[in-house]
Amino acid sequence: MSQTYAFLFCLGLGIAARFLYILTTKLARRTDILPVTVVLDFLTATAVGGALTVYVIMTATVLAPYMFVALFAGYLLTYLLTKRGGKTSSGESPRKSRKQKKQHDKA
């Protein structure tokens, strides 16, 4: 039964990791500063890795490959459900920088 709990925890952690990544990406885009983006990405990876490590230590669970598969499957499932198409709501490509947007608005 503990393996089932470990699987479900890792699956939920993968889902939480995707939502945490979405939030930090929005914050990084708002600031538009590279060091902030790097720090937020590092904190996201540390939070997810730390949560998995703490779970394994606190429950004395044997670290198994299915835990990593569940973590990645949870992230992938959430990614597939939350990914955007090729265009944003304003009809522009999501990869345009602010500079390109300003030049486009001037034209």
N, C-alpha and C. Protein backbone atom coordinates (compact mmCIF):
# COMPACT_ATOMS: atom_id res chain seq x y z
N MET A 1 0.81 -1.19 0.00
CA MET A 1 0.00 0.00 0.00
C MET A 1 0.85 1.26 0.00
N SER A 2 2.02 1.19 0.64
CA SER A 2 2.88 2.37 0.68
C SER A 2 3.39 2.72 -0.73
N GLN A 3 3.52 1.73 -1.59
CA GLN A 3 3.93 2.01 -2.97
C GLN A 3 2.85 2.77 -3.72
N THR A 4 1.60 2.47 -3.43
CA THR A 4 0.49 3.20 -4.05
C THR A 4 0.50 4.65 -3.60
N TYR A 5 0.72 4.87 -2.30
CA TYR A 5 0.80 6.23 -1.79
C TYR A 5 1.98 6.99 -2.40
N ALA A 6 3.10 6.32 -2.54
CA ALA A 6 4.27 6.95 -3.14
C ALA A 6 3.99 7.32 -4.59
N PHE A 7 3.32 6.43 -5.31
CA PHE A 7 2.97 6.71 -6.70
C PHE A 7 2.05 7.91 -6.79
N LEU A 8 1.00 7.93 -5.96
CA LEU A 8 0.05 9.04 -5.99
C LEU A 8 0.70 10.35 -5.56
N PHE A 9 1.59 10.29 -4.57
CA PHE A 9 2.30 11.50 -4.14
C PHE A 9 3.15 12.04 -5.28
N CYS A 10 3.88 11.17 -5.95
CA CYS A 10 4.74 11.61 -7.05
C CYS A 10 3.92 12.15 -8.22
N LEU A 11 2.81 11.53 -8.49
CA LEU A 11 1.92 12.02 -9.54
C LEU A 11 1.40 13.42 -9.20
N GLY A 12 0.96 13.60 -7.97
CA GLY A 12 0.51 14.91 -7.51
C GLY A 12 1.63 15.93 -7.49
N LEU A 13 2.83 15.49 -7.15
CA LEU A 13 3.98 16.39 -7.15
C LEU A 13 4.31 16.84 -8.56
N GLY A 14 4.17 15.96 -9.54
CA GLY A 14 4.38 16.34 -10.93
C GLY A 14 3.37 17.37 -11.39
N ILE A 15 2.12 17.20 -10.98
CA ILE A 15 1.08 18.16 -11.33
C ILE A 15 1.35 19.50 -10.65
N ALA A 16 1.72 19.46 -9.38
CA ALA A 16 2.04 20.68 -8.65
C ALA A 16 3.26 21.38 -9.26
N ALA A 17 4.22 20.60 -9.73
CA ALA A 17 5.41 21.18 -10.34
C ALA A 17 5.06 21.98 -11.60
N ARG A 18 4.13 21.45 -12.39
CA ARG A 18 3.72 22.16 -13.61
C ARG A 18 3.04 23.48 -13.27
N PHE A 19 2.14 23.46 -12.28
CA PHE A 19 1.46 24.69 -11.89
C PHE A 19 2.43 25.69 -11.26
N LEU A 20 3.39 25.20 -10.50
CA LEU A 20 4.41 26.09 -9.94
C LEU A 20 5.25 26.70 -11.05
N TYR A 21 5.57 25.91 -12.06
CA TYR A 21 6.33 26.42 -13.19
C TYR A 21 5.53 27.48 -13.95
N ILE A 22 4.24 27.26 -14.13
CA ILE A 22 3.40 28.24 -14.82
C ILE A 22 3.40 29.56 -14.06
N LEU A 23 3.26 29.49 -12.73
CA LEU A 23 3.25 30.71 -11.92
C LEU A 23 4.58 31.44 -11.97
N THR A 24 5.67 30.70 -11.86
CA THR A 24 6.98 31.37 -11.89
C THR A 24 7.29 31.92 -13.27
N THR A 25 6.80 31.29 -14.32
CA THR A 25 7.01 31.81 -15.67
C THR A 25 6.26 33.13 -15.86
N LYS A 26 5.06 33.20 -15.34
CA LYS A 26 4.31 34.46 -15.43
C LYS A 26 5.01 35.57 -14.67
N LEU A 27 5.53 35.24 -13.49
CA LEU A 27 6.26 36.24 -12.70
C LEU A 27 7.54 36.66 -13.41
N ALA A 28 8.24 35.71 -14.01
CA ALA A 28 9.47 36.03 -14.72
C ALA A 28 9.20 36.90 -15.94
N ARG A 29 8.11 36.64 -16.65
CA ARG A 29 7.76 37.47 -17.81
C ARG A 29 7.40 38.89 -17.39
N ARG A 30 6.77 39.00 -16.23
CA ARG A 30 6.38 40.33 -15.75
C ARG A 30 7.62 41.17 -15.43
N THR A 31 8.62 40.56 -14.83
CA THR A 31 9.84 41.31 -14.50
C THR A 31 10.73 41.46 -15.72
N ASP A 32 10.77 40.45 -16.59
CA ASP A 32 11.57 40.45 -17.81
C ASP A 32 13.05 40.70 -17.54
N ILE A 33 13.55 40.12 -16.45
CA ILE A 33 14.96 40.23 -16.08
C ILE A 33 15.53 38.82 -16.02
N LEU A 34 16.61 38.56 -16.74
CA LEU A 34 17.16 37.21 -16.83
C LEU A 34 17.56 36.62 -15.48
N PRO A 35 18.24 37.35 -14.58
CA PRO A 35 18.59 36.74 -13.29
C PRO A 35 17.36 36.30 -12.49
N VAL A 36 16.28 37.05 -12.58
CA VAL A 36 15.05 36.67 -11.88
C VAL A 36 14.52 35.35 -12.46
N THR A 37 14.56 35.22 -13.76
CA THR A 37 14.09 34.00 -14.41
C THR A 37 14.94 32.80 -13.98
N VAL A 38 16.25 32.97 -13.94
CA VAL A 38 17.14 31.88 -13.54
C VAL A 38 16.89 31.48 -12.09
N VAL A 39 16.73 32.46 -11.22
CA VAL A 39 16.49 32.18 -9.80
C VAL A 39 15.15 31.47 -9.62
N LEU A 40 14.11 31.92 -10.31
CA LEU A 40 12.80 31.29 -10.18
C LEU A 40 12.81 29.85 -10.71
N ASP A 41 13.51 29.62 -11.82
CA ASP A 41 13.63 28.25 -12.34
C ASP A 41 14.38 27.35 -11.35
N PHE A 42 15.44 27.90 -10.75
CA PHE A 42 16.20 27.14 -9.77
C PHE A 42 15.34 26.82 -8.55
N LEU A 43 14.57 27.80 -8.09
CA LEU A 43 13.72 27.58 -6.92
C LEU A 43 12.61 26.56 -7.21
N THR A 44 12.09 26.57 -8.42
CA THR A 44 11.07 25.59 -8.80
C THR A 44 11.66 24.18 -8.76
N ALA A 45 12.81 24.00 -9.38
CA ALA A 45 13.44 22.68 -9.39
C ALA A 45 13.83 22.24 -7.98
N THR A 46 14.30 23.16 -7.17
CA THR A 46 14.68 22.84 -5.79
C THR A 46 13.47 22.46 -4.96
N ALA A 47 12.36 23.17 -5.15
CA ALA A 47 11.14 22.87 -4.39
C ALA A 47 10.61 21.48 -4.72
N VAL A 48 10.59 21.15 -5.99
CA VAL A 48 10.08 19.84 -6.40
C VAL A 48 11.04 18.72 -5.95
N GLY A 49 12.31 18.91 -6.19
CA GLY A 49 13.29 17.92 -5.76
C GLY A 49 13.34 17.78 -4.25
N GLY A 50 13.23 18.90 -3.56
CA GLY A 50 13.22 18.87 -2.10
C GLY A 50 12.00 18.17 -1.55
N ALA A 51 10.84 18.41 -2.16
CA ALA A 51 9.61 17.75 -1.71
C ALA A 51 9.72 16.23 -1.89
N LEU A 52 10.27 15.81 -3.01
CA LEU A 52 10.44 14.36 -3.23
C LEU A 52 11.44 13.78 -2.24
N THR A 53 12.52 14.48 -2.00
CA THR A 53 13.53 14.00 -1.06
C THR A 53 12.97 13.91 0.35
N VAL A 54 12.25 14.94 0.78
CA VAL A 54 11.67 14.94 2.13
C VAL A 54 10.65 13.80 2.26
N TYR A 55 9.86 13.58 1.22
CA TYR A 55 8.88 12.49 1.27
C TYR A 55 9.58 11.13 1.43
N VAL A 56 10.62 10.92 0.66
CA VAL A 56 11.34 9.65 0.71
C VAL A 56 11.98 9.45 2.09
N ILE A 57 12.55 10.51 2.63
CA ILE A 57 13.21 10.40 3.94
C ILE A 57 12.19 10.20 5.06
N MET A 58 11.12 11.00 5.04
CA MET A 58 10.16 10.95 6.13
C MET A 58 9.34 9.66 6.16
N THR A 59 9.08 9.07 5.00
CA THR A 59 8.28 7.85 4.98
C THR A 59 9.13 6.59 4.87
N ALA A 60 10.42 6.73 4.77
CA ALA A 60 11.35 5.61 4.62
C ALA A 60 10.97 4.75 3.42
N THR A 61 10.49 5.40 2.38
CA THR A 61 10.13 4.70 1.14
C THR A 61 11.39 4.37 0.37
N VAL A 62 11.40 3.22 -0.23
CA VAL A 62 12.52 2.84 -1.09
C VAL A 62 12.38 3.61 -2.40
N LEU A 63 13.43 4.29 -2.79
CA LEU A 63 13.41 5.06 -4.03
C LEU A 63 13.36 4.10 -5.21
N ALA A 64 12.32 4.22 -6.01
CA ALA A 64 12.11 3.28 -7.11
C ALA A 64 11.87 4.05 -8.41
N PRO A 65 12.15 3.42 -9.54
CA PRO A 65 11.96 4.09 -10.83
C PRO A 65 10.52 4.55 -11.08
N TYR A 66 9.53 3.80 -10.55
CA TYR A 66 8.14 4.20 -10.81
C TYR A 66 7.82 5.56 -10.19
N MET A 67 8.56 5.95 -9.16
CA MET A 67 8.32 7.26 -8.55
C MET A 67 8.70 8.38 -9.53
N PHE A 68 9.81 8.20 -10.22
CA PHE A 68 10.23 9.19 -11.21
C PHE A 68 9.30 9.19 -12.42
N VAL A 69 8.86 8.01 -12.80
CA VAL A 69 7.91 7.91 -13.92
C VAL A 69 6.61 8.62 -13.56
N ALA A 70 6.14 8.44 -12.33
CA ALA A 70 4.91 9.10 -11.89
C ALA A 70 5.09 10.60 -11.84
N LEU A 71 6.24 11.06 -11.38
CA LEU A 71 6.53 12.49 -11.33
C LEU A 71 6.50 13.09 -12.73
N PHE A 72 7.18 12.46 -13.65
CA PHE A 72 7.22 12.97 -15.03
C PHE A 72 5.87 12.82 -15.72
N ALA A 73 5.14 11.76 -15.41
CA ALA A 73 3.82 11.56 -16.01
C ALA A 73 2.84 12.62 -15.53
N GLY A 74 2.91 12.96 -14.26
CA GLY A 74 2.05 14.02 -13.73
C GLY A 74 2.36 15.35 -14.38
N TYR A 75 3.64 15.63 -14.55
CA TYR A 75 4.04 16.88 -15.20
C TYR A 75 3.60 16.88 -16.67
N LEU A 76 3.83 15.78 -17.36
CA LEU A 76 3.48 15.69 -18.77
C LEU A 76 1.97 15.79 -18.98
N LEU A 77 1.21 15.10 -18.15
CA LEU A 77 -0.24 15.17 -18.25
C LEU A 77 -0.73 16.61 -18.08
N THR A 78 -0.22 17.28 -17.08
CA THR A 78 -0.62 18.67 -16.84
C THR A 78 -0.12 19.57 -17.96
N TYR A 79 1.06 19.30 -18.48
CA TYR A 79 1.58 20.09 -19.60
C TYR A 79 0.66 19.97 -20.81
N LEU A 80 0.25 18.76 -21.11
CA LEU A 80 -0.61 18.55 -22.28
C LEU A 80 -1.97 19.23 -22.10
N LEU A 81 -2.45 19.30 -20.86
CA LEU A 81 -3.73 19.93 -20.60
C LEU A 81 -3.65 21.46 -20.54
N THR A 82 -2.47 22.00 -20.22
CA THR A 82 -2.35 23.44 -20.03
C THR A 82 -1.59 24.16 -21.13
N LYS A 83 -0.99 23.43 -22.05
CA LYS A 83 -0.18 24.11 -23.06
C LYS A 83 -1.08 24.94 -23.97
N ARG A 84 -0.50 26.00 -24.46
CA ARG A 84 -1.23 26.89 -25.37
C ARG A 84 -0.94 26.48 -26.79
N GLY A 85 -1.80 26.97 -27.69
CA GLY A 85 -1.56 26.75 -29.11
C GLY A 85 -0.45 27.67 -29.59
N GLY A 86 -0.36 27.87 -30.87
CA GLY A 86 0.69 28.70 -31.44
C GLY A 86 0.46 30.18 -31.28
N LYS A 87 -0.73 30.59 -30.87
CA LYS A 87 -1.06 32.01 -30.76
C LYS A 87 -1.61 32.30 -29.37
N THR A 88 -1.42 33.56 -28.94
CA THR A 88 -1.99 33.98 -27.68
C THR A 88 -3.38 34.53 -27.92
N SER A 89 -4.02 34.99 -26.86
CA SER A 89 -5.38 35.51 -27.00
C SER A 89 -5.43 36.78 -27.85
N SER A 90 -4.32 37.50 -27.93
CA SER A 90 -4.29 38.71 -28.75
C SER A 90 -3.96 38.40 -30.21
N GLY A 91 -3.71 37.14 -30.54
CA GLY A 91 -3.45 36.75 -31.91
C GLY A 91 -1.99 36.82 -32.31
N GLU A 92 -1.10 37.11 -31.35
CA GLU A 92 0.32 37.21 -31.65
C GLU A 92 1.03 35.92 -31.25
N SER A 93 2.21 35.77 -31.79
CA SER A 93 3.03 34.63 -31.41
C SER A 93 3.46 34.81 -29.96
N PRO A 94 3.43 33.77 -29.12
CA PRO A 94 3.78 33.93 -27.72
C PRO A 94 5.25 34.23 -27.49
N ARG A 95 6.10 34.07 -28.47
CA ARG A 95 7.53 34.26 -28.31
C ARG A 95 8.00 35.67 -28.67
N LYS A 96 7.10 36.57 -29.04
CA LYS A 96 7.52 37.92 -29.39
C LYS A 96 7.99 38.66 -28.16
N SER A 97 9.09 39.38 -28.30
CA SER A 97 9.58 40.17 -27.19
C SER A 97 8.85 41.50 -27.13
N ARG A 98 9.07 42.23 -26.06
CA ARG A 98 8.43 43.54 -25.91
C ARG A 98 8.90 44.50 -27.00
N LYS A 99 10.16 44.39 -27.34
CA LYS A 99 10.73 45.27 -28.36
C LYS A 99 10.03 45.03 -29.71
N GLN A 100 9.82 43.77 -30.06
CA GLN A 100 9.13 43.45 -31.31
C GLN A 100 7.69 43.92 -31.28
N LYS A 101 7.04 43.83 -30.12
CA LYS A 101 5.67 44.29 -29.99
C LYS A 101 5.57 45.80 -30.17
N LYS A 102 6.54 46.53 -29.59
CA LYS A 102 6.55 47.99 -29.73
C LYS A 102 6.77 48.40 -31.17
N GLN A 103 7.69 47.71 -31.86
CA GLN A 103 7.94 48.02 -33.26
C GLN A 103 6.71 47.69 -34.10
N HIS A 104 6.01 46.64 -33.76
CA HIS A 104 4.81 46.26 -34.49
C HIS A 104 3.69 47.30 -34.26
N ASP A 105 3.58 47.81 -33.02
CA ASP A 105 2.55 48.79 -32.71
C ASP A 105 2.83 50.14 -33.39
N LYS A 106 4.10 50.49 -33.59
CA LYS A 106 4.45 51.75 -34.23
C LYS A 106 4.12 51.73 -35.71
N ALA A 107 4.20 50.55 -36.31
CA ALA A 107 3.98 50.44 -37.75
C ALA A 107 2.53 50.56 -38.14
